[in-house]
Amino acid sequence: MALVQQFVRPENLDIKPAFQNETSWLLAQKELQKINMYKAPRDKLVCILNCCKVINNLLLNASIASNENPPGADDFLPVLIYVTIKANPPQLHSNLLYIQRYRRQSRLVSEAAYFFTNMLSAEAFISNIDAKALSLEETEFEKNMEFARALLSGLSTDLDGLSSQINQLAGQDQREPTESRHHTLKEDHANRPKSSDGKSSSKDQSSISKVPSISELENRGATILLKEDQVSKVFQEYPYMFAHAGDLTVKDVEELLNNYKQLVFKYVCLLKGSDGASASFPLSKSQAQAQQHVETVKESQDHRAIAQNIGL
């Protein structure tokens, strides 16, 4: 978009001379350039609506002044495309996807839906723009693109040179404090007494039969799950098991939150029940650490195998 911005003219988009008013379109460009300043999808959508309303009012006033017919969609969309190219709002595609994903569909109706659809059409047109779309010859289009690329490359080189000079000056100012800080850290590390080796553990208690822990039950279930012929059928009642982050919408949040609360409640109840049953058979510190390490390794291996089986 930045390249086309350098040479596109209203005539390239077949905008009627009566509707050409680039000075007045600056207000619409400024409204659209605000879209990346807001975080809420509603506020981003308002920027698009304000831009479209400015264009619509300008076209209506121009048609009245020139005794033209009231402007329609064929007059509105080319002007919106031109304003969008000239505004070149940052991360336009990402912002449009953000609005689509997080703005409630019940609110995206009527005028808002109409203008937002036009903006989607304008963005799609710009992303696929070519010589034919701008009513230009292929050679002329390529020549303009090369000129715009050279112009932007020259500006980028100048900015990079200025940035490198600033970084060099800043590096000279910060070098001495950094070196002194590193020297101090080395001295502190050299003077720090070495920690003694781990103390010898006390004698292990005799092995006593105990109620299986949660990790043991989980590992046992994972082993059984690995033997299932069709693992995916086991997870059919969990619709979000195979979902990706990009597939989720706002309406899924409430259901996910309820599922999370139920999961936490069941887990805490299971944890408390397991602790109560095995409280009379405490493990020594060395036994607990060794068991935890073995369970963690085995759990990660089982989970990795399950994930491979179900295609995650």
C-alpha atoms as a PDB file:
ATOM      1  CA  MET A   1       0.000   0.000   0.000  1.00  0.00           C
ATOM      2  CA  ALA A   2       2.875   2.353   0.752  1.00  0.00           C
ATOM      3  CA  LEU A   3       4.178   2.005  -2.812  1.00  0.00           C
ATOM      4  CA  VAL A   4       0.817   2.688  -4.475  1.00  0.00           C
ATOM      5  CA  GLN A   5       0.316   5.597  -2.101  1.00  0.00           C
ATOM      6  CA  GLN A   6       3.140   7.483  -3.840  1.00  0.00           C
ATOM      7  CA  PHE A   7       1.549   7.710  -7.294  1.00  0.00           C
ATOM      8  CA  VAL A   8      -2.162   6.847  -7.195  1.00  0.00           C
ATOM      9  CA  ARG A   9      -4.550   9.586  -8.356  1.00  0.00           C
ATOM     10  CA  PRO A  10      -8.361   9.880  -8.184  1.00  0.00           C
ATOM     11  CA  GLU A  11      -8.488   9.384 -11.959  1.00  0.00           C
ATOM     12  CA  ASN A  12      -6.918   5.940 -11.562  1.00  0.00           C
ATOM     13  CA  LEU A  13      -9.988   4.789  -9.635  1.00  0.00           C
ATOM     14  CA  ASP A  14     -12.521   6.387 -12.005  1.00  0.00           C
ATOM     15  CA  ILE A  15     -13.716   8.903  -9.426  1.00  0.00           C
ATOM     16  CA  LYS A  16     -15.925  11.519 -11.061  1.00  0.00           C
ATOM     17  CA  PRO A  17     -14.375  15.005 -11.320  1.00  0.00           C
ATOM     18  CA  ALA A  18     -17.337  16.477  -9.450  1.00  0.00           C
ATOM     19  CA  PHE A  19     -16.532  14.286  -6.435  1.00  0.00           C
ATOM     20  CA  GLN A  20     -12.768  14.911  -6.398  1.00  0.00           C
ATOM     21  CA  ASN A  21     -11.843  16.964  -3.339  1.00  0.00           C
ATOM     22  CA  GLU A  22      -8.577  15.734  -1.847  1.00  0.00           C
ATOM     23  CA  THR A  23      -8.367  18.571   0.674  1.00  0.00           C
ATOM     24  CA  SER A  24     -11.680  17.586   2.233  1.00  0.00           C
ATOM     25  CA  TRP A  25     -10.706  13.918   2.198  1.00  0.00           C
ATOM     26  CA  LEU A  26      -7.865  14.631   4.629  1.00  0.00           C
ATOM     27  CA  LEU A  27     -10.369  14.599   7.495  1.00  0.00           C
ATOM     28  CA  ALA A  28     -11.507  11.104   6.501  1.00  0.00           C
ATOM     29  CA  GLN A  29      -7.877   9.964   6.309  1.00  0.00           C
ATOM     30  CA  LYS A  30      -7.165  11.260   9.814  1.00  0.00           C
ATOM     31  CA  GLU A  31     -10.170   9.398  11.214  1.00  0.00           C
ATOM     32  CA  LEU A  32      -9.018   6.141   9.625  1.00  0.00           C
ATOM     33  CA  GLN A  33      -5.439   6.590  10.852  1.00  0.00           C
ATOM     34  CA  LYS A  34      -6.700   6.504  14.451  1.00  0.00           C
ATOM     35  CA  ILE A  35      -7.785   2.862  14.173  1.00  0.00           C
ATOM     36  CA  ASN A  36      -4.573   1.480  15.688  1.00  0.00           C
ATOM     37  CA  MET A  37      -4.707   3.864  18.663  1.00  0.00           C
ATOM     38  CA  TYR A  38      -7.616   2.015  20.286  1.00  0.00           C
ATOM     39  CA  LYS A  39      -7.832  -1.472  21.765  1.00  0.00           C
ATOM     40  CA  ALA A  40     -11.582  -2.121  21.963  1.00  0.00           C
ATOM     41  CA  PRO A  41     -13.174  -3.474  18.752  1.00  0.00           C
ATOM     42  CA  ARG A  42     -16.019  -0.986  19.150  1.00  0.00           C
ATOM     43  CA  ASP A  43     -13.613   1.977  19.147  1.00  0.00           C
ATOM     44  CA  LYS A  44     -11.802   0.627  16.091  1.00  0.00           C
ATOM     45  CA  LEU A  45     -15.129   0.243  14.328  1.00  0.00           C
ATOM     46  CA  VAL A  46     -16.070   3.820  15.235  1.00  0.00           C
ATOM     47  CA  CYS A  47     -12.949   5.058  13.409  1.00  0.00           C
ATOM     48  CA  ILE A  48     -14.120   3.284  10.256  1.00  0.00           C
ATOM     49  CA  LEU A  49     -17.655   4.641  10.650  1.00  0.00           C
ATOM     50  CA  ASN A  50     -16.400   8.209  11.112  1.00  0.00           C
ATOM     51  CA  CYS A  51     -14.223   7.913   8.011  1.00  0.00           C
ATOM     52  CA  CYS A  52     -17.095   6.558   5.918  1.00  0.00           C
ATOM     53  CA  LYS A  53     -19.544   9.175   7.198  1.00  0.00           C
ATOM     54  CA  VAL A  54     -17.146  11.986   6.285  1.00  0.00           C
ATOM     55  CA  ILE A  55     -16.815  10.583   2.760  1.00  0.00           C
ATOM     56  CA  ASN A  56     -20.559  10.080   2.449  1.00  0.00           C
ATOM     57  CA  ASN A  57     -21.330  13.647   3.546  1.00  0.00           C
ATOM     58  CA  LEU A  58     -18.701  15.106   1.201  1.00  0.00           C
ATOM     59  CA  LEU A  59     -20.100  13.162  -1.739  1.00  0.00           C
ATOM     60  CA  LEU A  60     -23.638  14.236  -0.892  1.00  0.00           C
ATOM     61  CA  ASN A  61     -22.672  17.909  -0.649  1.00  0.00           C
ATOM     62  CA  ALA A  62     -20.701  17.680  -3.901  1.00  0.00           C
ATOM     63  CA  SER A  63     -23.648  16.122  -5.718  1.00  0.00           C
ATOM     64  CA  ILE A  64     -25.972  18.876  -4.509  1.00  0.00           C
ATOM     65  CA  ALA A  65     -23.520  21.609  -5.515  1.00  0.00           C
ATOM     66  CA  SER A  66     -23.027  20.165  -9.010  1.00  0.00           C
ATOM     67  CA  ASN A  67     -26.662  19.104  -9.532  1.00  0.00           C
ATOM     68  CA  GLU A  68     -25.566  15.481  -9.847  1.00  0.00           C
ATOM     69  CA  ASN A  69     -27.615  12.472  -8.849  1.00  0.00           C
ATOM     70  CA  PRO A  70     -27.225  11.402  -5.200  1.00  0.00           C
ATOM     71  CA  PRO A  71     -24.065   9.296  -4.811  1.00  0.00           C
ATOM     72  CA  GLY A  72     -24.440   5.529  -4.690  1.00  0.00           C
ATOM     73  CA  ALA A  73     -22.226   2.587  -3.827  1.00  0.00           C
ATOM     74  CA  ASP A  74     -20.407   2.893  -7.168  1.00  0.00           C
ATOM     75  CA  ASP A  75     -19.384   6.428  -6.213  1.00  0.00           C
ATOM     76  CA  PHE A  76     -18.671   5.725  -2.544  1.00  0.00           C
ATOM     77  CA  LEU A  77     -16.381   2.668  -2.797  1.00  0.00           C
ATOM     78  CA  PRO A  78     -13.733   4.195  -5.147  1.00  0.00           C
ATOM     79  CA  VAL A  79     -13.400   7.213  -2.850  1.00  0.00           C
ATOM     80  CA  LEU A  80     -13.081   4.934   0.188  1.00  0.00           C
ATOM     81  CA  ILE A  81     -10.347   2.955  -1.590  1.00  0.00           C
ATOM     82  CA  TYR A  82      -8.481   6.147  -2.456  1.00  0.00           C
ATOM     83  CA  VAL A  83      -8.774   7.520   1.090  1.00  0.00           C
ATOM     84  CA  THR A  84      -7.584   4.200   2.543  1.00  0.00           C
ATOM     85  CA  ILE A  85      -4.541   4.125   0.247  1.00  0.00           C
ATOM     86  CA  LYS A  86      -3.619   7.709   1.087  1.00  0.00           C
ATOM     87  CA  ALA A  87      -4.188   7.187   4.821  1.00  0.00           C
ATOM     88  CA  ASN A  88      -2.244   3.895   4.832  1.00  0.00           C
ATOM     89  CA  PRO A  89      -3.460   3.037   8.360  1.00  0.00           C
ATOM     90  CA  PRO A  90      -1.073   0.792  10.323  1.00  0.00           C
ATOM     91  CA  GLN A  91      -1.960  -2.900  10.526  1.00  0.00           C
ATOM     92  CA  LEU A  92      -5.268  -2.418   8.702  1.00  0.00           C
ATOM     93  CA  HIS A  93      -5.718  -6.106   7.880  1.00  0.00           C
ATOM     94  CA  SER A  94      -5.075  -7.170  11.485  1.00  0.00           C
ATOM     95  CA  ASN A  95      -7.475  -4.543  12.812  1.00  0.00           C
ATOM     96  CA  LEU A  96     -10.245  -5.682  10.468  1.00  0.00           C
ATOM     97  CA  LEU A  97      -9.758  -9.302  11.540  1.00  0.00           C
ATOM     98  CA  TYR A  98      -9.764  -8.166  15.174  1.00  0.00           C
ATOM     99  CA  ILE A  99     -13.127  -6.416  14.699  1.00  0.00           C
ATOM    100  CA  GLN A 100     -14.594  -9.436  12.914  1.00  0.00           C
ATOM    101  CA  ARG A 101     -13.497 -11.799  15.659  1.00  0.00           C
ATOM    102  CA  TYR A 102     -14.265  -9.809  18.803  1.00  0.00           C
ATOM    103  CA  ARG A 103     -17.130  -7.480  17.886  1.00  0.00           C
ATOM    104  CA  ARG A 104     -20.446  -9.107  18.756  1.00  0.00           C
ATOM    105  CA  GLN A 105     -22.417  -9.982  15.631  1.00  0.00           C
ATOM    106  CA  SER A 106     -25.578  -8.618  17.235  1.00  0.00           C
ATOM    107  CA  ARG A 107     -23.948  -5.173  17.295  1.00  0.00           C
ATOM    108  CA  LEU A 108     -22.462  -5.397  13.801  1.00  0.00           C
ATOM    109  CA  VAL A 109     -25.692  -4.577  11.957  1.00  0.00           C
ATOM    110  CA  SER A 110     -27.367  -1.796   9.995  1.00  0.00           C
ATOM    111  CA  GLU A 111     -25.133   1.168   9.129  1.00  0.00           C
ATOM    112  CA  ALA A 112     -22.118  -0.264  10.955  1.00  0.00           C
ATOM    113  CA  ALA A 113     -22.334  -3.525   9.007  1.00  0.00           C
ATOM    114  CA  TYR A 114     -22.705  -1.674   5.675  1.00  0.00           C
ATOM    115  CA  PHE A 115     -19.694   0.581   6.170  1.00  0.00           C
ATOM    116  CA  PHE A 116     -17.588  -2.239   7.627  1.00  0.00           C
ATOM    117  CA  THR A 117     -18.386  -4.428   4.602  1.00  0.00           C
ATOM    118  CA  ASN A 118     -17.289  -1.600   2.313  1.00  0.00           C
ATOM    119  CA  MET A 119     -14.022  -1.310   4.234  1.00  0.00           C
ATOM    120  CA  LEU A 120     -13.428  -5.059   3.839  1.00  0.00           C
ATOM    121  CA  SER A 121     -14.033  -4.679   0.100  1.00  0.00           C
ATOM    122  CA  ALA A 122     -11.616  -1.740  -0.072  1.00  0.00           C
ATOM    123  CA  GLU A 123      -8.924  -3.690   1.793  1.00  0.00           C
ATOM    124  CA  ALA A 124      -9.374  -6.701  -0.499  1.00  0.00           C
ATOM    125  CA  PHE A 125      -9.132  -4.455  -3.581  1.00  0.00           C
ATOM    126  CA  ILE A 126      -5.929  -2.824  -2.313  1.00  0.00           C
ATOM    127  CA  SER A 127      -4.276  -6.137  -1.412  1.00  0.00           C
ATOM    128  CA  ASN A 128      -4.829  -7.396  -4.995  1.00  0.00           C
ATOM    129  CA  ILE A 129      -4.179  -4.116  -6.792  1.00  0.00           C
ATOM    130  CA  ASP A 130      -2.498  -4.211 -10.194  1.00  0.00           C
ATOM    131  CA  ALA A 131      -2.154  -2.135 -13.355  1.00  0.00           C
ATOM    132  CA  LYS A 132      -5.615  -3.049 -14.619  1.00  0.00           C
ATOM    133  CA  ALA A 133      -7.250  -2.042 -11.340  1.00  0.00           C
ATOM    134  CA  LEU A 134      -5.694   1.436 -11.630  1.00  0.00           C
ATOM    135  CA  SER A 135      -6.503   1.825 -15.340  1.00  0.00           C
ATOM    136  CA  LEU A 136      -2.783   1.917 -16.186  1.00  0.00           C
ATOM    137  CA  GLU A 137      -0.569   0.205 -18.707  1.00  0.00           C
ATOM    138  CA  GLU A 138       1.561  -2.583 -17.274  1.00  0.00           C
ATOM    139  CA  THR A 139       4.820  -0.800 -18.132  1.00  0.00           C
ATOM    140  CA  GLU A 140       3.636   2.455 -16.590  1.00  0.00           C
ATOM    141  CA  PHE A 141       2.498   0.658 -13.450  1.00  0.00           C
ATOM    142  CA  GLU A 142       5.845  -1.118 -13.044  1.00  0.00           C
ATOM    143  CA  LYS A 143       7.711   2.134 -13.643  1.00  0.00           C
ATOM    144  CA  ASN A 144       5.690   3.906 -10.951  1.00  0.00           C
ATOM    145  CA  MET A 145       6.226   1.028  -8.536  1.00  0.00           C
ATOM    146  CA  GLU A 146       9.992   1.072  -9.095  1.00  0.00           C
ATOM    147  CA  PHE A 147      10.112   4.820  -8.564  1.00  0.00           C
ATOM    148  CA  ALA A 148       8.082   4.543  -5.347  1.00  0.00           C
ATOM    149  CA  ARG A 149      10.281   1.687  -4.133  1.00  0.00           C
ATOM    150  CA  ALA A 150      13.431   3.719  -4.769  1.00  0.00           C
ATOM    151  CA  LEU A 151      11.933   6.732  -3.016  1.00  0.00           C
ATOM    152  CA  LEU A 152      10.976   4.769   0.087  1.00  0.00           C
ATOM    153  CA  SER A 153      14.321   2.958   0.083  1.00  0.00           C
ATOM    154  CA  GLY A 154      16.167   6.288   0.101  1.00  0.00           C
ATOM    155  CA  LEU A 155      14.097   7.545   3.011  1.00  0.00           C
ATOM    156  CA  SER A 156      14.690   4.298   4.895  1.00  0.00           C
ATOM    157  CA  THR A 157      18.464   4.553   4.341  1.00  0.00           C
ATOM    158  CA  ASP A 158      18.537   8.086   5.716  1.00  0.00           C
ATOM    159  CA  LEU A 159      16.551   7.037   8.788  1.00  0.00           C
ATOM    160  CA  ASP A 160      18.807   4.022   9.376  1.00  0.00           C
ATOM    161  CA  GLY A 161      21.902   6.226   9.241  1.00  0.00           C
ATOM    162  CA  LEU A 162      20.432   8.670  11.720  1.00  0.00           C
ATOM    163  CA  SER A 163      19.363   5.822  14.014  1.00  0.00           C
ATOM    164  CA  SER A 164      22.857   4.263  13.956  1.00  0.00           C
ATOM    165  CA  GLN A 165      24.441   7.585  14.923  1.00  0.00           C
ATOM    166  CA  ILE A 166      22.057   7.949  17.848  1.00  0.00           C
ATOM    167  CA  ASN A 167      22.774   4.369  18.976  1.00  0.00           C
ATOM    168  CA  GLN A 168      26.533   4.979  18.850  1.00  0.00           C
ATOM    169  CA  LEU A 169      26.232   8.075  21.015  1.00  0.00           C
ATOM    170  CA  ALA A 170      23.992   6.261  23.465  1.00  0.00           C
ATOM    171  CA  GLY A 171      26.386   3.292  23.567  1.00  0.00           C
ATOM    172  CA  GLN A 172      29.332   5.486  24.504  1.00  0.00           C
ATOM    173  CA  ASP A 173      27.394   6.971  27.407  1.00  0.00           C
ATOM    174  CA  GLN A 174      26.284   3.586  28.727  1.00  0.00           C
ATOM    175  CA  ARG A 175      29.519   1.614  28.187  1.00  0.00           C
ATOM    176  CA  GLU A 176      31.349   2.739  31.333  1.00  0.00           C
ATOM    177  CA  PRO A 177      28.486   2.090  33.815  1.00  0.00           C
ATOM    178  CA  THR A 178      27.895  -1.320  32.226  1.00  0.00           C
ATOM    179  CA  GLU A 179      31.551  -2.368  32.455  1.00  0.00           C
ATOM    180  CA  SER A 180      31.809  -1.277  36.088  1.00  0.00           C
ATOM    181  CA  ARG A 181      28.638  -3.165  36.946  1.00  0.00           C
ATOM    182  CA  HIS A 182      29.962  -6.353  35.315  1.00  0.00           C
ATOM    183  CA  HIS A 183      33.251  -5.980  37.241  1.00  0.00           C
ATOM    184  CA  THR A 184      31.362  -5.666  40.526  1.00  0.00           C
ATOM    185  CA  LEU A 185      29.276  -8.737  39.758  1.00  0.00           C
ATOM    186  CA  LYS A 186      32.423 -10.768  39.033  1.00  0.00           C
ATOM    187  CA  GLU A 187      33.970  -9.739  42.369  1.00  0.00           C
ATOM    188  CA  ASP A 188      30.803 -10.627  44.259  1.00  0.00           C
ATOM    189  CA  HIS A 189      30.713 -14.005  42.556  1.00  0.00           C
ATOM    190  CA  ALA A 190      34.376 -14.698  43.413  1.00  0.00           C
ATOM    191  CA  ASN A 191      33.931 -13.718  47.081  1.00  0.00           C
ATOM    192  CA  ARG A 192      30.731 -15.680  47.517  1.00  0.00           C
ATOM    193  CA  PRO A 193      31.349 -18.872  49.538  1.00  0.00           C
ATOM    194  CA  LYS A 194      30.653 -22.077  47.723  1.00  0.00           C
ATOM    195  CA  SER A 195      27.579 -23.855  48.913  1.00  0.00           C
ATOM    196  CA  SER A 196      28.227 -27.134  50.600  1.00  0.00           C
ATOM    197  CA  ASP A 197      27.112 -30.319  49.007  1.00  0.00           C
ATOM    198  CA  GLY A 198      23.653 -31.591  49.783  1.00  0.00           C
ATOM    199  CA  LYS A 199      23.250 -33.030  53.220  1.00  0.00           C
ATOM    200  CA  SER A 200      22.953 -36.754  53.485  1.00  0.00           C
ATOM    201  CA  SER A 201      19.353 -37.811  53.642  1.00  0.00           C
ATOM    202  CA  SER A 202      17.970 -39.639  56.616  1.00  0.00           C
ATOM    203  CA  LYS A 203      17.226 -43.317  56.442  1.00  0.00           C
ATOM    204  CA  ASP A 204      14.237 -44.096  54.279  1.00  0.00           C
ATOM    205  CA  GLN A 205      11.191 -45.405  56.020  1.00  0.00           C
ATOM    206  CA  SER A 206      10.075 -48.904  55.292  1.00  0.00           C
ATOM    207  CA  SER A 207       7.867 -49.176  52.239  1.00  0.00           C
ATOM    208  CA  ILE A 208       4.195 -49.147  53.170  1.00  0.00           C
ATOM    209  CA  SER A 209       1.315 -49.833  50.869  1.00  0.00           C
ATOM    210  CA  LYS A 210      -0.580 -46.590  50.270  1.00  0.00           C
ATOM    211  CA  VAL A 211      -3.491 -45.189  48.322  1.00  0.00           C
ATOM    212  CA  PRO A 212      -2.433 -44.201  44.755  1.00  0.00           C
ATOM    213  CA  SER A 213      -1.701 -40.505  44.336  1.00  0.00           C
ATOM    214  CA  ILE A 214      -3.363 -38.267  41.755  1.00  0.00           C
ATOM    215  CA  SER A 215      -0.295 -38.480  39.520  1.00  0.00           C
ATOM    216  CA  GLU A 216      -0.341 -42.265  39.686  1.00  0.00           C
ATOM    217  CA  LEU A 217      -4.026 -42.345  38.793  1.00  0.00           C
ATOM    218  CA  GLU A 218      -3.380 -39.926  35.951  1.00  0.00           C
ATOM    219  CA  ASN A 219      -0.518 -42.028  34.605  1.00  0.00           C
ATOM    220  CA  ARG A 220      -2.607 -45.164  34.881  1.00  0.00           C
ATOM    221  CA  GLY A 221      -5.408 -43.499  32.918  1.00  0.00           C
ATOM    222  CA  ALA A 222      -2.939 -42.268  30.311  1.00  0.00           C
ATOM    223  CA  THR A 223      -1.653 -45.811  29.847  1.00  0.00           C
ATOM    224  CA  ILE A 224      -5.201 -47.086  29.322  1.00  0.00           C
ATOM    225  CA  LEU A 225      -5.906 -44.225  26.939  1.00  0.00           C
ATOM    226  CA  LEU A 226      -2.889 -45.141  24.830  1.00  0.00           C
ATOM    227  CA  LYS A 227      -4.392 -48.579  24.267  1.00  0.00           C
ATOM    228  CA  GLU A 228      -7.630 -47.129  22.847  1.00  0.00           C
ATOM    229  CA  ASP A 229      -8.142 -47.832  19.146  1.00  0.00           C
ATOM    230  CA  GLN A 230      -9.952 -44.555  18.430  1.00  0.00           C
ATOM    231  CA  VAL A 231      -8.706 -41.981  20.895  1.00  0.00           C
ATOM    232  CA  SER A 232     -10.497 -39.068  19.197  1.00  0.00           C
ATOM    233  CA  LYS A 233     -13.911 -40.521  20.085  1.00  0.00           C
ATOM    234  CA  VAL A 234     -13.028 -40.288  23.772  1.00  0.00           C
ATOM    235  CA  PHE A 235     -12.729 -36.501  23.462  1.00  0.00           C
ATOM    236  CA  GLN A 236     -15.923 -35.931  21.447  1.00  0.00           C
ATOM    237  CA  GLU A 237     -17.715 -34.440  24.441  1.00  0.00           C
ATOM    238  CA  TYR A 238     -14.963 -31.823  24.779  1.00  0.00           C
ATOM    239  CA  PRO A 239     -15.500 -29.535  21.741  1.00  0.00           C
ATOM    240  CA  TYR A 240     -12.485 -27.300  22.416  1.00  0.00           C
ATOM    241  CA  MET A 241      -9.950 -30.130  22.641  1.00  0.00           C
ATOM    242  CA  PHE A 242      -8.976 -29.830  18.981  1.00  0.00           C
ATOM    243  CA  ALA A 243      -9.644 -26.072  18.619  1.00  0.00           C
ATOM    244  CA  HIS A 244      -6.962 -23.497  17.872  1.00  0.00           C
ATOM    245  CA  ALA A 245      -6.747 -20.018  19.385  1.00  0.00           C
ATOM    246  CA  GLY A 246      -7.709 -18.451  16.072  1.00  0.00           C
ATOM    247  CA  ASP A 247     -10.956 -20.467  15.958  1.00  0.00           C
ATOM    248  CA  LEU A 248     -12.335 -19.014  19.202  1.00  0.00           C
ATOM    249  CA  THR A 249     -14.791 -16.131  19.308  1.00  0.00           C
ATOM    250  CA  VAL A 250     -16.222 -13.919  22.036  1.00  0.00           C
ATOM    251  CA  LYS A 251     -19.268 -16.136  22.521  1.00  0.00           C
ATOM    252  CA  ASP A 252     -16.975 -19.078  23.409  1.00  0.00           C
ATOM    253  CA  VAL A 253     -15.516 -17.261  26.436  1.00  0.00           C
ATOM    254  CA  GLU A 254     -18.506 -17.870  28.725  1.00  0.00           C
ATOM    255  CA  GLU A 255     -18.634 -21.599  27.972  1.00  0.00           C
ATOM    256  CA  LEU A 256     -14.872 -21.944  28.375  1.00  0.00           C
ATOM    257  CA  LEU A 257     -15.029 -20.146  31.732  1.00  0.00           C
ATOM    258  CA  ASN A 258     -17.781 -22.471  32.985  1.00  0.00           C
ATOM    259  CA  ASN A 259     -15.822 -25.531  31.850  1.00  0.00           C
ATOM    260  CA  TYR A 260     -12.721 -24.191  33.581  1.00  0.00           C
ATOM    261  CA  LYS A 261     -14.584 -23.668  36.875  1.00  0.00           C
ATOM    262  CA  GLN A 262     -15.996 -27.195  36.755  1.00  0.00           C
ATOM    263  CA  LEU A 263     -12.549 -28.613  36.021  1.00  0.00           C
ATOM    264  CA  VAL A 264     -10.957 -26.727  38.919  1.00  0.00           C
ATOM    265  CA  PHE A 265     -13.716 -27.806  41.317  1.00  0.00           C
ATOM    266  CA  LYS A 266     -13.383 -31.471  40.360  1.00  0.00           C
ATOM    267  CA  TYR A 267      -9.591 -31.323  40.573  1.00  0.00           C
ATOM    268  CA  VAL A 268      -9.578 -29.680  44.016  1.00  0.00           C
ATOM    269  CA  CYS A 269     -12.103 -32.213  45.345  1.00  0.00           C
ATOM    270  CA  LEU A 270      -9.988 -35.064  43.980  1.00  0.00           C
ATOM    271  CA  LEU A 271      -6.836 -33.523  45.424  1.00  0.00           C
ATOM    272  CA  LYS A 272      -8.349 -33.064  48.882  1.00  0.00           C
ATOM    273  CA  GLY A 273      -9.770 -36.591  48.850  1.00  0.00           C
ATOM    274  CA  SER A 274      -6.424 -38.061  47.862  1.00  0.00           C
ATOM    275  CA  ASP A 275      -4.518 -36.074  50.515  1.00  0.00           C
ATOM    276  CA  GLY A 276      -6.958 -37.142  53.215  1.00  0.00           C
ATOM    277  CA  ALA A 277      -6.683 -40.806  52.305  1.00  0.00           C
ATOM    278  CA  SER A 278      -2.888 -40.847  52.245  1.00  0.00           C
ATOM    279  CA  ALA A 279      -2.244 -38.470  55.155  1.00  0.00           C
ATOM    280  CA  SER A 280      -1.411 -41.331  57.537  1.00  0.00           C
ATOM    281  CA  PHE A 281       1.435 -42.535  55.287  1.00  0.00           C
ATOM    282  CA  PRO A 282       3.843 -39.612  54.975  1.00  0.00           C
ATOM    283  CA  LEU A 283       6.900 -39.937  52.748  1.00  0.00           C
ATOM    284  CA  SER A 284      10.393 -38.820  53.606  1.00  0.00           C
ATOM    285  CA  LYS A 285      11.816 -35.812  51.782  1.00  0.00           C
ATOM    286  CA  SER A 286      14.122 -37.928  49.606  1.00  0.00           C
ATOM    287  CA  GLN A 287      11.283 -40.298  48.696  1.00  0.00           C
ATOM    288  CA  ALA A 288       8.979 -37.428  47.797  1.00  0.00           C
ATOM    289  CA  GLN A 289      11.582 -35.775  45.573  1.00  0.00           C
ATOM    290  CA  ALA A 290      12.456 -39.011  43.794  1.00  0.00           C
ATOM    291  CA  GLN A 291       8.814 -39.932  43.282  1.00  0.00           C
ATOM    292  CA  GLN A 292       7.962 -36.458  41.992  1.00  0.00           C
ATOM    293  CA  HIS A 293      10.819 -36.600  39.460  1.00  0.00           C
ATOM    294  CA  VAL A 294       9.780 -40.045  38.181  1.00  0.00           C
ATOM    295  CA  GLU A 295       6.118 -39.044  37.946  1.00  0.00           C
ATOM    296  CA  THR A 296       6.950 -35.837  36.087  1.00  0.00           C
ATOM    297  CA  VAL A 297       9.090 -37.628  33.488  1.00  0.00           C
ATOM    298  CA  LYS A 298       6.558 -40.386  32.983  1.00  0.00           C
ATOM    299  CA  GLU A 299       3.664 -37.925  32.803  1.00  0.00           C
ATOM    300  CA  SER A 300       5.368 -35.834  30.114  1.00  0.00           C
ATOM    301  CA  GLN A 301       6.136 -38.958  28.054  1.00  0.00           C
ATOM    302  CA  ASP A 302       2.555 -40.232  28.287  1.00  0.00           C
ATOM    303  CA  HIS A 303       1.076 -36.864  27.417  1.00  0.00           C
ATOM    304  CA  ARG A 304       3.381 -36.544  24.408  1.00  0.00           C
ATOM    305  CA  ALA A 305       2.331 -39.975  23.177  1.00  0.00           C
ATOM    306  CA  ILE A 306      -1.362 -39.142  23.611  1.00  0.00           C
ATOM    307  CA  ALA A 307      -0.950 -35.881  21.745  1.00  0.00           C
ATOM    308  CA  GLN A 308       0.689 -37.702  18.832  1.00  0.00           C
ATOM    309  CA  ASN A 309      -2.105 -40.281  18.709  1.00  0.00           C
ATOM    310  CA  ILE A 310      -4.911 -37.699  18.575  1.00  0.00           C
ATOM    311  CA  GLY A 311      -3.059 -35.495  16.089  1.00  0.00           C
ATOM    312  CA  LEU A 312      -2.407 -32.425  18.300  1.00  0.00           C
END
